[in-house]
């Protein structure tokens, strides 16, 4: 998943901020991502983010009064940028299978970047120690799986809603799991295209066949 911080017009205030302070809030969120990447989850704190953003702690708390508010806004920002990127593929006019292939390719190639390779494992570690962060992450990944599900359903409209959800979950988990193998400076990075081809063929077989074991929804 991408952690791109490209500027874009804000449609609404970031949670935990005042509308008039959106630009400063964006700078703080940039700093939060940097702290998580460069210093790790165990050093992620409001004070460290304030230092990175060159703000006093009290000024940062004017925008994000708690660590929970900051993490929630950071994840919302990450997934919004990510969904916008994949949404452009879905509206590109490609046929459903070509759209699906392009989405999977985009996700896999994104794993090669240092930001994604480092950011998400650090985020997973943070979630392991903070139930609130774990909840925010599940919401973020839920939105991601909804987009995947829409693409899956277009490839095979005969799939029912539960099958679509379960395939989306499997694909999401499979792609995220490849981070430690094809990520930045990881041992199989040079074979990303070959692994991508194998993964895409496997995913499409599953979608077309509809052979999805019945799982209990959580």
N, C-alpha and C. Protein backbone atom coordinates (compact mmCIF):
# COMPACT_ATOMS: atom_id res chain seq x y z
N UNK A 1 0.83 -1.18 0.00
CA UNK A 1 0.00 0.00 0.00
C UNK A 1 0.88 1.24 0.00
N UNK A 2 0.45 2.22 -0.78
CA UNK A 2 1.27 3.40 -0.96
C UNK A 2 1.16 4.36 0.21
N UNK A 3 2.26 5.03 0.54
CA UNK A 3 2.24 6.07 1.55
C UNK A 3 2.52 7.41 0.91
N UNK A 4 2.12 7.55 -0.35
CA UNK A 4 2.34 8.79 -1.08
C UNK A 4 1.75 9.98 -0.34
N UNK A 5 2.48 11.10 -0.29
CA UNK A 5 2.00 12.29 0.39
C UNK A 5 1.82 13.44 -0.57
N UNK A 6 1.53 13.14 -1.85
CA UNK A 6 1.32 14.19 -2.84
C UNK A 6 0.16 15.07 -2.42
N UNK A 7 0.31 16.38 -2.58
CA UNK A 7 -0.73 17.31 -2.21
C UNK A 7 -1.92 17.19 -3.14
N UNK A 8 -3.12 17.32 -2.59
CA UNK A 8 -4.34 17.33 -3.39
C UNK A 8 -5.35 18.19 -2.68
N UNK A 9 -6.31 18.78 -3.41
CA UNK A 9 -7.31 19.63 -2.76
C UNK A 9 -8.05 18.85 -1.69
N UNK A 10 -8.20 19.47 -0.53
CA UNK A 10 -8.88 18.80 0.58
C UNK A 10 -10.38 18.97 0.45
N UNK A 11 -11.09 17.83 0.44
CA UNK A 11 -12.54 17.88 0.34
C UNK A 11 -13.18 18.10 1.70
N UNK A 12 -12.47 17.70 2.75
CA UNK A 12 -13.01 17.86 4.09
C UNK A 12 -11.85 17.91 5.07
N UNK A 13 -12.13 18.36 6.27
CA UNK A 13 -11.08 18.46 7.27
C UNK A 13 -10.59 17.10 7.67
N UNK A 14 -9.28 16.99 7.92
CA UNK A 14 -8.71 15.76 8.44
C UNK A 14 -9.20 15.60 9.87
N UNK A 15 -9.62 14.38 10.29
CA UNK A 15 -10.09 14.18 11.66
C UNK A 15 -9.09 14.70 12.67
N UNK A 16 -9.57 15.42 13.67
CA UNK A 16 -8.70 15.94 14.70
C UNK A 16 -8.10 17.30 14.38
N UNK A 17 -8.54 17.95 13.29
CA UNK A 17 -7.96 19.23 12.90
C UNK A 17 -9.04 20.30 12.78
N UNK A 18 -8.61 21.55 12.72
CA UNK A 18 -9.49 22.65 12.39
C UNK A 18 -9.33 22.95 10.91
N UNK A 19 -10.41 23.35 10.25
CA UNK A 19 -10.36 23.57 8.80
C UNK A 19 -9.29 24.58 8.41
N UNK A 20 -9.15 25.65 9.19
CA UNK A 20 -8.19 26.70 8.84
C UNK A 20 -6.74 26.22 8.94
N UNK A 21 -6.53 25.08 9.59
CA UNK A 21 -5.16 24.61 9.76
C UNK A 21 -4.81 23.41 8.93
N UNK A 22 -5.51 23.19 7.82
CA UNK A 22 -5.29 21.97 7.05
C UNK A 22 -3.86 21.85 6.53
N UNK A 23 -3.25 22.96 6.09
CA UNK A 23 -1.89 22.89 5.55
C UNK A 23 -0.91 22.45 6.63
N UNK A 24 -1.00 23.03 7.81
CA UNK A 24 -0.12 22.63 8.91
C UNK A 24 -0.40 21.18 9.31
N UNK A 25 -1.67 20.79 9.30
CA UNK A 25 -2.01 19.40 9.63
C UNK A 25 -1.37 18.43 8.65
N UNK A 26 -1.36 18.78 7.36
CA UNK A 26 -0.72 17.93 6.37
C UNK A 26 0.77 17.80 6.65
N UNK A 27 1.42 18.89 7.05
CA UNK A 27 2.84 18.83 7.39
C UNK A 27 3.08 17.90 8.59
N UNK A 28 2.18 17.94 9.56
CA UNK A 28 2.30 17.08 10.73
C UNK A 28 2.15 15.61 10.32
N UNK A 29 1.20 15.34 9.42
CA UNK A 29 1.00 13.96 8.96
C UNK A 29 2.21 13.46 8.18
N UNK A 30 2.82 14.34 7.38
CA UNK A 30 4.08 13.98 6.71
C UNK A 30 5.13 13.58 7.74
N UNK A 31 5.22 14.40 8.79
CA UNK A 31 6.21 14.13 9.84
C UNK A 31 5.92 12.82 10.55
N UNK A 32 4.65 12.51 10.75
CA UNK A 32 4.28 11.26 11.43
C UNK A 32 4.73 10.05 10.62
N UNK A 33 4.51 10.10 9.31
CA UNK A 33 4.95 9.00 8.45
C UNK A 33 6.47 8.87 8.51
N UNK A 34 7.17 10.00 8.46
CA UNK A 34 8.63 9.99 8.51
C UNK A 34 9.14 9.38 9.81
N UNK A 35 8.54 9.76 10.92
CA UNK A 35 8.96 9.22 12.22
C UNK A 35 8.77 7.70 12.26
N UNK A 36 7.63 7.23 11.77
CA UNK A 36 7.38 5.79 11.80
C UNK A 36 8.40 5.05 10.93
N UNK A 37 8.74 5.62 9.78
CA UNK A 37 9.69 4.98 8.87
C UNK A 37 11.12 5.05 9.41
N UNK A 38 11.53 6.21 9.85
CA UNK A 38 12.93 6.42 10.21
C UNK A 38 13.27 6.02 11.64
N UNK A 39 12.29 6.02 12.54
CA UNK A 39 12.58 5.76 13.95
C UNK A 39 11.87 4.54 14.52
N UNK A 40 10.89 3.99 13.79
CA UNK A 40 10.23 2.77 14.23
C UNK A 40 9.05 3.01 15.16
N UNK A 41 8.21 1.99 15.26
CA UNK A 41 6.98 2.11 16.05
C UNK A 41 7.28 2.38 17.53
N UNK A 42 8.39 1.83 18.06
CA UNK A 42 8.70 1.97 19.48
C UNK A 42 9.11 3.39 19.85
N UNK A 43 9.45 4.22 18.83
CA UNK A 43 9.80 5.62 19.08
C UNK A 43 8.73 6.57 18.56
N UNK A 44 7.58 6.02 18.18
CA UNK A 44 6.52 6.87 17.63
C UNK A 44 5.73 7.51 18.77
N UNK A 45 5.84 8.82 18.88
CA UNK A 45 5.15 9.56 19.94
C UNK A 45 4.81 10.95 19.42
N UNK A 46 3.88 11.61 20.10
CA UNK A 46 3.54 12.98 19.71
C UNK A 46 4.75 13.89 19.82
N UNK A 47 5.55 13.69 20.86
CA UNK A 47 6.73 14.54 21.04
C UNK A 47 7.72 14.36 19.90
N UNK A 48 7.96 13.12 19.48
CA UNK A 48 8.90 12.88 18.39
C UNK A 48 8.36 13.45 17.08
N UNK A 49 7.06 13.31 16.84
CA UNK A 49 6.46 13.87 15.62
C UNK A 49 6.54 15.39 15.65
N UNK A 50 6.31 15.99 16.81
CA UNK A 50 6.41 17.44 16.93
C UNK A 50 7.83 17.91 16.59
N UNK A 51 8.83 17.18 17.08
CA UNK A 51 10.22 17.53 16.77
C UNK A 51 10.47 17.44 15.27
N UNK A 52 9.97 16.38 14.64
CA UNK A 52 10.15 16.20 13.20
C UNK A 52 9.47 17.32 12.42
N UNK A 53 8.31 17.75 12.90
CA UNK A 53 7.56 18.81 12.22
C UNK A 53 8.03 20.21 12.62
N UNK A 54 9.02 20.27 13.52
CA UNK A 54 9.57 21.53 14.02
C UNK A 54 8.49 22.38 14.67
N UNK A 55 7.73 21.72 15.54
CA UNK A 55 6.67 22.37 16.30
C UNK A 55 6.85 22.08 17.78
N UNK A 56 6.29 22.94 18.60
CA UNK A 56 6.19 22.62 20.01
C UNK A 56 5.06 21.60 20.19
N UNK A 57 5.19 20.75 21.21
CA UNK A 57 4.21 19.71 21.43
C UNK A 57 2.80 20.29 21.57
N UNK A 58 2.69 21.40 22.28
CA UNK A 58 1.38 22.03 22.47
C UNK A 58 0.76 22.47 21.16
N UNK A 59 1.60 22.95 20.23
CA UNK A 59 1.08 23.36 18.93
C UNK A 59 0.58 22.16 18.14
N UNK A 60 1.31 21.06 18.20
CA UNK A 60 0.85 19.85 17.51
C UNK A 60 -0.48 19.38 18.08
N UNK A 61 -0.60 19.45 19.40
CA UNK A 61 -1.83 18.98 20.03
C UNK A 61 -3.02 19.89 19.73
N UNK A 62 -2.77 21.06 19.25
CA UNK A 62 -3.87 21.92 18.77
C UNK A 62 -4.56 21.26 17.58
N UNK A 63 -3.79 20.52 16.78
CA UNK A 63 -4.33 19.85 15.60
C UNK A 63 -4.72 18.40 15.91
N UNK A 64 -3.87 17.73 16.66
CA UNK A 64 -4.10 16.32 17.00
C UNK A 64 -3.92 16.17 18.50
N UNK A 65 -5.00 16.21 19.26
CA UNK A 65 -4.90 16.23 20.72
C UNK A 65 -4.37 14.95 21.34
N UNK A 66 -4.35 13.86 20.59
CA UNK A 66 -3.88 12.58 21.15
C UNK A 66 -3.16 11.78 20.07
N UNK A 67 -2.43 10.79 20.52
CA UNK A 67 -1.74 9.89 19.59
C UNK A 67 -2.76 9.13 18.75
N UNK A 68 -3.87 8.73 19.37
CA UNK A 68 -4.91 8.03 18.62
C UNK A 68 -5.44 8.89 17.47
N UNK A 69 -5.70 10.16 17.74
CA UNK A 69 -6.22 11.06 16.70
C UNK A 69 -5.20 11.21 15.57
N UNK A 70 -3.92 11.29 15.91
CA UNK A 70 -2.88 11.44 14.90
C UNK A 70 -2.78 10.18 14.04
N UNK A 71 -2.76 9.01 14.66
CA UNK A 71 -2.66 7.76 13.91
C UNK A 71 -3.87 7.57 13.02
N UNK A 72 -5.06 7.85 13.53
CA UNK A 72 -6.27 7.70 12.73
C UNK A 72 -6.22 8.60 11.50
N UNK A 73 -5.81 9.85 11.68
CA UNK A 73 -5.73 10.78 10.55
C UNK A 73 -4.65 10.35 9.56
N UNK A 74 -3.53 9.83 10.06
CA UNK A 74 -2.46 9.37 9.19
C UNK A 74 -2.94 8.21 8.32
N UNK A 75 -3.65 7.26 8.91
CA UNK A 75 -4.14 6.12 8.15
C UNK A 75 -5.23 6.54 7.17
N UNK A 76 -6.10 7.45 7.58
CA UNK A 76 -7.13 7.94 6.66
C UNK A 76 -6.49 8.60 5.45
N UNK A 77 -5.44 9.34 5.69
CA UNK A 77 -4.76 10.04 4.60
C UNK A 77 -4.07 9.05 3.65
N UNK A 78 -3.43 8.04 4.23
CA UNK A 78 -2.76 7.03 3.41
C UNK A 78 -3.76 6.30 2.52
N UNK A 79 -4.88 5.85 3.11
CA UNK A 79 -5.83 5.07 2.32
C UNK A 79 -6.55 5.93 1.30
N UNK A 80 -6.79 7.21 1.59
CA UNK A 80 -7.44 8.08 0.61
C UNK A 80 -6.57 8.22 -0.63
N UNK A 81 -5.28 8.43 -0.44
CA UNK A 81 -4.36 8.56 -1.57
C UNK A 81 -4.29 7.25 -2.35
N UNK A 82 -4.28 6.16 -1.62
CA UNK A 82 -4.19 4.85 -2.22
C UNK A 82 -5.43 4.52 -3.04
N UNK A 83 -6.61 4.77 -2.46
CA UNK A 83 -7.86 4.48 -3.16
C UNK A 83 -8.03 5.38 -4.38
N UNK A 84 -7.57 6.61 -4.29
CA UNK A 84 -7.65 7.51 -5.43
C UNK A 84 -6.81 6.97 -6.59
N UNK A 85 -5.64 6.47 -6.26
CA UNK A 85 -4.75 5.92 -7.29
C UNK A 85 -5.37 4.71 -7.97
N UNK A 86 -5.92 3.79 -7.18
CA UNK A 86 -6.54 2.60 -7.76
C UNK A 86 -7.88 2.93 -8.42
N UNK A 87 -8.56 3.94 -7.89
CA UNK A 87 -9.82 4.35 -8.49
C UNK A 87 -9.64 4.86 -9.91
N UNK A 88 -8.52 5.49 -10.16
CA UNK A 88 -8.25 5.96 -11.52
C UNK A 88 -8.11 4.79 -12.49
N UNK A 89 -7.59 3.67 -12.00
CA UNK A 89 -7.50 2.48 -12.85
C UNK A 89 -8.90 1.95 -13.14
N UNK A 90 -9.76 1.93 -12.13
CA UNK A 90 -11.11 1.41 -12.32
C UNK A 90 -11.94 2.27 -13.26
N UNK A 91 -11.61 3.54 -13.38
CA UNK A 91 -12.36 4.42 -14.27
C UNK A 91 -11.63 4.68 -15.58
N UNK A 92 -10.62 3.86 -15.88
CA UNK A 92 -9.77 4.08 -17.04
C UNK A 92 -10.38 3.61 -18.35
N UNK A 93 -11.47 2.86 -18.28
CA UNK A 93 -12.08 2.34 -19.50
C UNK A 93 -11.56 0.97 -19.92
N UNK A 94 -10.62 0.42 -19.17
CA UNK A 94 -10.14 -0.93 -19.46
C UNK A 94 -11.23 -1.94 -19.15
N UNK A 95 -11.16 -3.11 -19.80
CA UNK A 95 -12.14 -4.16 -19.50
C UNK A 95 -11.86 -4.69 -18.09
N UNK A 96 -12.83 -5.37 -17.45
CA UNK A 96 -12.68 -5.79 -16.05
C UNK A 96 -11.41 -6.57 -15.74
N UNK A 97 -11.04 -7.52 -16.60
CA UNK A 97 -9.84 -8.30 -16.30
C UNK A 97 -8.59 -7.45 -16.42
N UNK A 98 -8.54 -6.59 -17.42
CA UNK A 98 -7.38 -5.71 -17.58
C UNK A 98 -7.27 -4.76 -16.39
N UNK A 99 -8.41 -4.27 -15.89
CA UNK A 99 -8.39 -3.43 -14.70
C UNK A 99 -7.84 -4.18 -13.51
N UNK A 100 -8.31 -5.41 -13.32
CA UNK A 100 -7.84 -6.21 -12.20
C UNK A 100 -6.34 -6.45 -12.29
N UNK A 101 -5.87 -6.81 -13.48
CA UNK A 101 -4.43 -7.04 -13.66
C UNK A 101 -3.63 -5.79 -13.34
N UNK A 102 -4.13 -4.64 -13.76
CA UNK A 102 -3.41 -3.39 -13.52
C UNK A 102 -3.39 -3.05 -12.04
N UNK A 103 -4.48 -3.30 -11.35
CA UNK A 103 -4.53 -3.05 -9.91
C UNK A 103 -3.52 -3.92 -9.17
N UNK A 104 -3.49 -5.20 -9.50
CA UNK A 104 -2.55 -6.11 -8.84
C UNK A 104 -1.11 -5.71 -9.16
N UNK A 105 -0.85 -5.35 -10.39
CA UNK A 105 0.50 -4.90 -10.77
C UNK A 105 0.90 -3.67 -9.96
N UNK A 106 -0.01 -2.71 -9.85
CA UNK A 106 0.28 -1.49 -9.10
C UNK A 106 0.61 -1.80 -7.65
N UNK A 107 -0.16 -2.70 -7.06
CA UNK A 107 0.07 -3.06 -5.66
C UNK A 107 1.41 -3.75 -5.47
N UNK A 108 1.74 -4.67 -6.36
CA UNK A 108 3.00 -5.41 -6.23
C UNK A 108 4.20 -4.50 -6.43
N UNK A 109 4.17 -3.67 -7.44
CA UNK A 109 5.31 -2.80 -7.70
C UNK A 109 5.49 -1.78 -6.58
N UNK A 110 4.39 -1.41 -5.95
CA UNK A 110 4.48 -0.49 -4.82
C UNK A 110 5.24 -1.12 -3.66
N UNK A 111 5.17 -2.43 -3.54
CA UNK A 111 5.90 -3.12 -2.47
C UNK A 111 7.40 -2.92 -2.59
N UNK A 112 7.89 -2.65 -3.80
CA UNK A 112 9.32 -2.47 -4.03
C UNK A 112 9.89 -1.21 -3.39
N UNK A 113 9.03 -0.25 -3.09
CA UNK A 113 9.52 1.04 -2.61
C UNK A 113 9.92 0.96 -1.13
N UNK A 114 10.90 1.74 -0.77
CA UNK A 114 11.37 1.74 0.62
C UNK A 114 10.27 2.19 1.58
N UNK A 115 9.54 3.24 1.20
CA UNK A 115 8.50 3.76 2.08
C UNK A 115 7.49 2.68 2.45
N UNK A 116 7.00 1.96 1.43
CA UNK A 116 6.00 0.94 1.70
C UNK A 116 6.61 -0.25 2.44
N UNK A 117 7.82 -0.64 2.06
CA UNK A 117 8.49 -1.77 2.72
C UNK A 117 8.66 -1.53 4.22
N UNK A 118 8.98 -0.29 4.60
CA UNK A 118 9.23 0.00 6.00
C UNK A 118 7.96 0.43 6.73
N UNK A 119 7.15 1.28 6.10
CA UNK A 119 6.01 1.88 6.79
C UNK A 119 5.02 0.84 7.31
N UNK A 120 4.59 -0.07 6.44
CA UNK A 120 3.52 -0.98 6.86
C UNK A 120 3.95 -1.99 7.92
N UNK A 121 5.13 -2.62 7.81
CA UNK A 121 5.54 -3.48 8.93
C UNK A 121 5.65 -2.74 10.26
N UNK A 122 6.11 -1.48 10.22
CA UNK A 122 6.15 -0.70 11.46
C UNK A 122 4.75 -0.45 11.98
N UNK A 123 3.83 -0.20 11.07
CA UNK A 123 2.44 0.01 11.45
C UNK A 123 1.83 -1.26 12.04
N UNK A 124 2.14 -2.41 11.43
CA UNK A 124 1.65 -3.68 11.98
C UNK A 124 2.18 -3.88 13.40
N UNK A 125 3.46 -3.55 13.61
CA UNK A 125 4.04 -3.70 14.94
C UNK A 125 3.35 -2.78 15.94
N UNK A 126 3.08 -1.56 15.54
CA UNK A 126 2.37 -0.62 16.41
C UNK A 126 0.99 -1.17 16.76
N UNK A 127 0.31 -1.74 15.78
CA UNK A 127 -1.03 -2.30 16.01
C UNK A 127 -0.98 -3.48 16.97
N UNK A 128 0.11 -4.23 16.97
CA UNK A 128 0.24 -5.36 17.89
C UNK A 128 0.26 -4.92 19.35
N UNK A 129 0.59 -3.66 19.59
CA UNK A 129 0.72 -3.15 20.95
C UNK A 129 -0.34 -2.13 21.31
N UNK A 130 -1.24 -1.84 20.37
CA UNK A 130 -2.24 -0.79 20.61
C UNK A 130 -3.55 -1.21 19.95
N UNK A 131 -4.54 -1.52 20.76
CA UNK A 131 -5.81 -2.00 20.23
C UNK A 131 -6.51 -0.95 19.38
N UNK A 132 -6.35 0.33 19.73
CA UNK A 132 -6.98 1.38 18.93
C UNK A 132 -6.38 1.42 17.52
N UNK A 133 -5.06 1.32 17.46
CA UNK A 133 -4.39 1.32 16.15
C UNK A 133 -4.83 0.10 15.34
N UNK A 134 -4.95 -1.04 15.99
CA UNK A 134 -5.41 -2.24 15.31
C UNK A 134 -6.80 -2.02 14.71
N UNK A 135 -7.67 -1.34 15.44
CA UNK A 135 -9.00 -1.04 14.92
C UNK A 135 -8.96 -0.10 13.74
N UNK A 136 -8.12 0.94 13.82
CA UNK A 136 -7.99 1.87 12.70
C UNK A 136 -7.46 1.15 11.46
N UNK A 137 -6.51 0.24 11.67
CA UNK A 137 -5.95 -0.50 10.55
C UNK A 137 -6.99 -1.39 9.89
N UNK A 138 -7.81 -2.05 10.69
CA UNK A 138 -8.84 -2.91 10.13
C UNK A 138 -9.82 -2.09 9.29
N UNK A 139 -10.14 -0.90 9.77
CA UNK A 139 -11.02 -0.03 8.99
C UNK A 139 -10.35 0.37 7.67
N UNK A 140 -9.06 0.71 7.74
CA UNK A 140 -8.33 1.09 6.55
C UNK A 140 -8.28 -0.06 5.54
N UNK A 141 -7.92 -1.25 6.02
CA UNK A 141 -7.85 -2.40 5.12
C UNK A 141 -9.24 -2.80 4.63
N UNK A 142 -10.27 -2.55 5.43
CA UNK A 142 -11.62 -2.83 4.99
C UNK A 142 -12.00 -2.00 3.77
N UNK A 143 -11.63 -0.75 3.77
CA UNK A 143 -11.90 0.11 2.61
C UNK A 143 -11.12 -0.37 1.38
N UNK A 144 -9.90 -0.78 1.61
CA UNK A 144 -9.07 -1.33 0.55
C UNK A 144 -9.69 -2.60 -0.03
N UNK A 145 -10.19 -3.48 0.84
CA UNK A 145 -10.81 -4.71 0.35
C UNK A 145 -12.12 -4.44 -0.40
N UNK A 146 -12.83 -3.39 -0.03
CA UNK A 146 -14.04 -3.03 -0.77
C UNK A 146 -13.70 -2.69 -2.22
N UNK A 147 -12.61 -1.96 -2.42
CA UNK A 147 -12.20 -1.63 -3.79
C UNK A 147 -11.80 -2.89 -4.53
N UNK A 148 -11.02 -3.76 -3.89
CA UNK A 148 -10.66 -5.02 -4.52
C UNK A 148 -11.89 -5.83 -4.85
N UNK A 149 -12.83 -5.86 -3.92
CA UNK A 149 -14.06 -6.62 -4.13
C UNK A 149 -14.84 -6.14 -5.33
N UNK A 150 -14.90 -4.83 -5.53
CA UNK A 150 -15.61 -4.29 -6.69
C UNK A 150 -14.96 -4.76 -7.98
N UNK A 151 -13.63 -4.80 -8.01
CA UNK A 151 -12.92 -5.27 -9.20
C UNK A 151 -13.14 -6.76 -9.42
N UNK A 152 -13.11 -7.53 -8.34
CA UNK A 152 -13.34 -8.98 -8.41
C UNK A 152 -14.73 -9.27 -8.96
N UNK A 153 -15.72 -8.56 -8.47
CA UNK A 153 -17.11 -8.80 -8.90
C UNK A 153 -17.31 -8.48 -10.37
N UNK A 154 -16.54 -7.54 -10.89
CA UNK A 154 -16.65 -7.22 -12.31
C UNK A 154 -16.06 -8.33 -13.17
N UNK A 155 -15.01 -8.96 -12.68
CA UNK A 155 -14.39 -10.06 -13.43
C UNK A 155 -15.33 -11.26 -13.47
N UNK A 156 -15.97 -11.57 -12.35
CA UNK A 156 -16.90 -12.69 -12.30
C UNK A 156 -18.18 -12.28 -11.56
N UNK A 157 -19.16 -11.75 -12.28
CA UNK A 157 -20.41 -11.29 -11.65
C UNK A 157 -21.21 -12.41 -10.99
N UNK A 158 -20.88 -13.69 -11.27
CA UNK A 158 -21.62 -14.81 -10.69
C UNK A 158 -21.25 -15.05 -9.23
N UNK A 159 -20.17 -14.47 -8.76
CA UNK A 159 -19.77 -14.66 -7.37
C UNK A 159 -20.76 -13.97 -6.44
N UNK A 160 -21.06 -14.62 -5.30
CA UNK A 160 -21.94 -13.95 -4.35
C UNK A 160 -21.12 -13.03 -3.44
N UNK A 161 -21.81 -12.27 -2.63
CA UNK A 161 -21.16 -11.23 -1.82
C UNK A 161 -20.12 -11.82 -0.87
N UNK A 162 -20.43 -12.97 -0.26
CA UNK A 162 -19.47 -13.58 0.67
C UNK A 162 -18.23 -14.06 -0.07
N UNK A 163 -18.41 -14.68 -1.22
CA UNK A 163 -17.26 -15.12 -2.01
C UNK A 163 -16.36 -13.94 -2.37
N UNK A 164 -16.97 -12.85 -2.78
CA UNK A 164 -16.20 -11.65 -3.14
C UNK A 164 -15.39 -11.16 -1.95
N UNK A 165 -16.02 -11.08 -0.78
CA UNK A 165 -15.32 -10.61 0.43
C UNK A 165 -14.15 -11.52 0.79
N UNK A 166 -14.38 -12.83 0.68
CA UNK A 166 -13.33 -13.78 1.06
C UNK A 166 -12.17 -13.77 0.07
N UNK A 167 -12.47 -13.65 -1.22
CA UNK A 167 -11.39 -13.56 -2.20
C UNK A 167 -10.61 -12.27 -2.00
N UNK A 168 -11.30 -11.17 -1.73
CA UNK A 168 -10.63 -9.89 -1.50
C UNK A 168 -9.70 -9.97 -0.29
N UNK A 169 -10.17 -10.64 0.77
CA UNK A 169 -9.35 -10.83 1.96
C UNK A 169 -8.11 -11.66 1.64
N UNK A 170 -8.30 -12.74 0.90
CA UNK A 170 -7.17 -13.61 0.54
C UNK A 170 -6.15 -12.86 -0.32
N UNK A 171 -6.62 -12.11 -1.30
CA UNK A 171 -5.71 -11.37 -2.17
C UNK A 171 -4.96 -10.30 -1.37
N UNK A 172 -5.68 -9.59 -0.51
CA UNK A 172 -5.05 -8.56 0.32
C UNK A 172 -3.95 -9.16 1.18
N UNK A 173 -4.27 -10.27 1.85
CA UNK A 173 -3.28 -10.92 2.72
C UNK A 173 -2.09 -11.43 1.92
N UNK A 174 -2.36 -11.96 0.73
CA UNK A 174 -1.28 -12.49 -0.10
C UNK A 174 -0.32 -11.39 -0.53
N UNK A 175 -0.88 -10.27 -0.97
CA UNK A 175 -0.04 -9.17 -1.43
C UNK A 175 0.76 -8.59 -0.27
N UNK A 176 0.10 -8.33 0.85
CA UNK A 176 0.81 -7.77 2.00
C UNK A 176 1.93 -8.70 2.46
N UNK A 177 1.67 -10.01 2.40
CA UNK A 177 2.67 -10.98 2.83
C UNK A 177 3.93 -10.97 1.98
N UNK A 178 3.81 -10.50 0.74
CA UNK A 178 4.98 -10.45 -0.13
C UNK A 178 5.93 -9.30 0.20
N UNK A 179 5.52 -8.41 1.09
CA UNK A 179 6.36 -7.26 1.44
C UNK A 179 7.75 -7.71 1.87
N UNK A 180 7.82 -8.75 2.67
CA UNK A 180 9.10 -9.19 3.22
C UNK A 180 9.95 -9.96 2.22
N UNK A 181 9.42 -10.19 1.04
CA UNK A 181 10.17 -10.95 0.03
C UNK A 181 10.53 -10.11 -1.20
N UNK A 182 9.62 -9.23 -1.65
CA UNK A 182 9.90 -8.43 -2.85
C UNK A 182 10.03 -6.95 -2.51
N UNK A 183 10.05 -6.63 -1.22
CA UNK A 183 10.19 -5.24 -0.82
C UNK A 183 11.59 -4.69 -1.06
N UNK A 184 11.77 -3.43 -0.70
CA UNK A 184 13.05 -2.74 -0.86
C UNK A 184 14.17 -3.52 -0.17
N UNK A 185 15.19 -3.89 -0.95
CA UNK A 185 16.36 -4.63 -0.47
C UNK A 185 16.03 -6.02 0.08
N UNK A 186 14.89 -6.55 -0.32
CA UNK A 186 14.52 -7.90 0.11
C UNK A 186 15.03 -8.92 -0.91
N UNK A 187 15.19 -10.18 -0.49
CA UNK A 187 15.90 -11.17 -1.31
C UNK A 187 15.28 -11.51 -2.66
N UNK A 188 13.96 -11.35 -2.82
CA UNK A 188 13.31 -11.73 -4.06
C UNK A 188 12.84 -10.53 -4.87
N UNK A 189 13.36 -9.36 -4.55
CA UNK A 189 12.90 -8.15 -5.24
C UNK A 189 13.14 -8.23 -6.75
N UNK A 190 14.25 -8.79 -7.16
CA UNK A 190 14.57 -8.87 -8.58
C UNK A 190 13.61 -9.77 -9.35
N UNK A 191 12.91 -10.64 -8.63
CA UNK A 191 11.96 -11.55 -9.26
C UNK A 191 10.51 -11.06 -9.12
N UNK A 192 10.34 -9.79 -8.84
CA UNK A 192 8.99 -9.24 -8.62
C UNK A 192 8.06 -9.52 -9.80
N UNK A 193 8.51 -9.31 -11.01
CA UNK A 193 7.64 -9.48 -12.18
C UNK A 193 7.21 -10.94 -12.34
N UNK A 194 8.12 -11.86 -12.09
CA UNK A 194 7.76 -13.27 -12.19
C UNK A 194 6.75 -13.66 -11.10
N UNK A 195 6.98 -13.18 -9.88
CA UNK A 195 6.06 -13.47 -8.78
C UNK A 195 4.71 -12.80 -9.03
N UNK A 196 4.75 -11.60 -9.57
CA UNK A 196 3.52 -10.90 -9.93
C UNK A 196 2.71 -11.71 -10.93
N UNK A 197 3.37 -12.24 -11.94
CA UNK A 197 2.66 -13.04 -12.96
C UNK A 197 2.03 -14.27 -12.34
N UNK A 198 2.76 -14.94 -11.46
CA UNK A 198 2.23 -16.12 -10.79
C UNK A 198 1.04 -15.77 -9.90
N UNK A 199 1.18 -14.70 -9.13
CA UNK A 199 0.11 -14.29 -8.24
C UNK A 199 -1.14 -13.89 -9.02
N UNK A 200 -0.96 -13.12 -10.08
CA UNK A 200 -2.11 -12.67 -10.87
C UNK A 200 -2.84 -13.85 -11.49
N UNK A 201 -2.09 -14.81 -12.04
CA UNK A 201 -2.72 -16.00 -12.63
C UNK A 201 -3.49 -16.79 -11.57
N UNK A 202 -2.91 -16.90 -10.37
CA UNK A 202 -3.58 -17.62 -9.28
C UNK A 202 -4.86 -16.90 -8.85
N UNK A 203 -4.77 -15.59 -8.70
CA UNK A 203 -5.95 -14.83 -8.28
C UNK A 203 -7.06 -14.94 -9.32
N UNK A 204 -6.71 -14.83 -10.60
CA UNK A 204 -7.73 -14.90 -11.64
C UNK A 204 -8.36 -16.29 -11.72
N UNK A 205 -7.57 -17.31 -11.51
CA UNK A 205 -8.15 -18.66 -11.49
C UNK A 205 -9.18 -18.78 -10.37
N UNK A 206 -8.83 -18.27 -9.20
CA UNK A 206 -9.74 -18.33 -8.06
C UNK A 206 -11.02 -17.56 -8.35
N UNK A 207 -10.88 -16.38 -8.92
CA UNK A 207 -12.06 -15.55 -9.21
C UNK A 207 -12.95 -16.22 -10.26
N UNK A 208 -12.33 -16.73 -11.31
CA UNK A 208 -13.13 -17.34 -12.38
C UNK A 208 -13.80 -18.63 -11.92
N UNK A 209 -13.07 -19.43 -11.13
CA UNK A 209 -13.60 -20.74 -10.72
C UNK A 209 -14.65 -20.60 -9.63
N UNK A 210 -14.51 -19.59 -8.78
CA UNK A 210 -15.44 -19.44 -7.67
C UNK A 210 -15.30 -20.52 -6.63
N UNK A 211 -14.20 -21.24 -6.63
CA UNK A 211 -13.99 -22.32 -5.66
C UNK A 211 -13.44 -21.72 -4.35
N UNK A 212 -14.37 -21.19 -3.59
CA UNK A 212 -14.00 -20.49 -2.36
C UNK A 212 -14.57 -21.24 -1.16
N UNK A 213 -13.74 -21.77 -0.28
CA UNK A 213 -14.26 -22.47 0.91
C UNK A 213 -15.13 -21.53 1.74
N UNK A 214 -16.15 -22.07 2.34
CA UNK A 214 -17.04 -21.27 3.18
C UNK A 214 -16.30 -20.91 4.47
N UNK A 215 -16.24 -19.63 4.77
CA UNK A 215 -15.57 -19.15 5.97
C UNK A 215 -16.58 -18.40 6.82
N UNK A 216 -16.37 -18.43 8.11
CA UNK A 216 -17.22 -17.68 9.02
C UNK A 216 -16.81 -16.22 9.01
N UNK A 217 -17.73 -15.32 8.67
CA UNK A 217 -17.43 -13.90 8.69
C UNK A 217 -17.18 -13.45 10.11
N UNK A 218 -16.26 -12.49 10.27
CA UNK A 218 -15.99 -11.92 11.60
C UNK A 218 -16.86 -10.70 11.82
